[in-house]
Amino acid sequence: MTTSSDQPVPESSTVQTEMLGFLAKRTGTTWATDADVFGSGGLSSLFAMELVVHLEKSYGIAIRGADLRLENFRTVRRMAALVERLRQPAPGGSGA
């Protein structure tokens, strides 16, 4: 799958695998895709912002406004879904 700019859109499973690796490297913990990474209280809101920056840079997306809710970053699955949604062309847009 590609976007109108011909950049490949990462599959959800690819994003999940990459995010699991990123989290393991940064936290020293192995995570499941549906584990609440903030539920244990071990990760801070500062780390949440690090996740935002990582996702934006890694996947060429801009996370703004309502998308900055912590709920979008609680699990690797939710992060992958956010990336997929933000990589889609805007509704009604020309795609150019």
Protein backbone atom coordinates (compact mmCIF):
# COMPACT_ATOMS: atom_id res chain seq x y z
CA MET A 1 0.00 0.00 0.00
CA THR A 2 1.30 3.51 -0.80
CA THR A 3 0.20 7.05 -0.13
CA SER A 4 -0.33 9.64 -2.82
CA SER A 5 3.30 10.69 -2.32
CA ASP A 6 4.34 7.10 -3.19
CA GLN A 7 5.78 6.55 0.29
CA PRO A 8 5.08 3.04 1.55
CA VAL A 9 2.47 2.87 4.27
CA PRO A 10 3.68 0.56 7.02
CA GLU A 11 1.44 -2.40 7.74
CA SER A 12 0.06 -2.56 11.26
CA SER A 13 2.09 -5.68 12.02
CA THR A 14 5.29 -3.94 10.88
CA VAL A 15 4.57 -0.89 13.03
CA GLN A 16 3.79 -3.16 15.98
CA THR A 17 7.06 -5.08 15.57
CA GLU A 18 9.07 -1.87 15.29
CA MET A 19 7.34 -0.32 18.30
CA LEU A 20 7.88 -3.45 20.41
CA GLY A 21 11.60 -3.21 19.59
CA PHE A 22 11.69 0.52 20.40
CA LEU A 23 9.93 -0.01 23.74
CA ALA A 24 12.15 -2.95 24.69
CA LYS A 25 15.28 -0.95 23.91
CA ARG A 26 14.12 2.14 25.81
CA THR A 27 12.59 0.41 28.83
CA GLY A 28 14.55 -2.84 29.15
CA THR A 29 11.22 -4.70 29.26
CA THR A 30 9.59 -7.05 26.75
CA TRP A 31 6.06 -5.89 25.93
CA ALA A 32 3.00 -7.58 24.44
CA THR A 33 1.12 -5.68 21.73
CA ASP A 34 -1.91 -5.27 24.00
CA ALA A 35 -0.03 -4.51 27.25
CA ASP A 36 -0.82 -1.13 28.82
CA VAL A 37 2.62 0.48 28.78
CA PHE A 38 1.49 3.22 31.18
CA GLY A 39 -0.73 1.06 33.41
CA SER A 40 2.14 -0.12 35.60
CA GLY A 41 3.03 3.47 36.47
CA GLY A 42 6.61 2.88 35.41
CA LEU A 43 6.49 5.12 32.35
CA SER A 44 6.08 8.87 32.60
CA SER A 45 4.25 11.52 30.62
CA LEU A 46 7.69 12.62 29.43
CA PHE A 47 8.13 9.18 27.91
CA ALA A 48 4.73 9.61 26.23
CA MET A 49 6.08 12.69 24.47
CA GLU A 50 9.15 10.70 23.43
CA LEU A 51 6.78 8.16 21.87
CA VAL A 52 5.01 10.94 19.98
CA VAL A 53 8.29 12.25 18.57
CA HIS A 54 9.44 8.74 17.66
CA LEU A 55 6.21 7.96 15.83
CA GLU A 56 6.22 11.28 13.97
CA LYS A 57 9.82 10.91 12.81
CA SER A 58 9.66 7.20 12.05
CA TYR A 59 6.41 7.26 10.08
CA GLY A 60 6.25 10.78 8.64
CA ILE A 61 3.07 11.71 10.49
CA ALA A 62 1.99 14.72 12.57
CA ILE A 63 0.21 13.91 15.82
CA ARG A 64 -1.84 16.92 16.89
CA GLY A 65 -4.90 17.97 18.85
CA ALA A 66 -7.25 15.20 19.91
CA ASP A 67 -4.77 12.55 18.69
CA LEU A 68 -2.43 13.47 21.57
CA ARG A 69 -4.69 11.67 24.08
CA LEU A 70 -2.78 9.18 26.22
CA GLU A 71 -5.31 6.51 25.17
CA ASN A 72 -3.69 6.48 21.71
CA PHE A 73 -0.36 5.47 23.26
CA ARG A 74 -1.38 2.96 25.95
CA THR A 75 -0.69 -0.13 23.85
CA VAL A 76 1.42 -0.96 20.83
CA ARG A 77 -1.78 -1.91 18.97
CA ARG A 78 -3.26 1.54 19.58
CA MET A 79 -0.06 3.24 18.44
CA ALA A 80 -0.03 1.17 15.24
CA ALA A 81 -3.69 2.01 14.60
CA LEU A 82 -2.92 5.71 15.08
CA VAL A 83 -0.04 5.51 12.60
CA GLU A 84 -2.23 3.74 10.04
CA ARG A 85 -5.03 6.28 10.42
CA LEU A 86 -2.73 9.29 10.15
CA ARG A 87 -0.98 7.89 7.10
CA GLN A 88 -4.28 7.75 5.18
CA PRO A 89 -5.16 10.64 2.85
CA ALA A 90 -7.48 13.20 4.42
CA PRO A 91 -11.15 12.66 3.54
CA GLY A 92 -12.19 14.90 0.68
CA GLY A 93 -8.59 15.78 -0.06
CA SER A 94 -7.16 15.61 -3.53
CA GLY A 95 -4.38 13.33 -2.33
CA ALA A 96 -1.87 15.51 -4.12
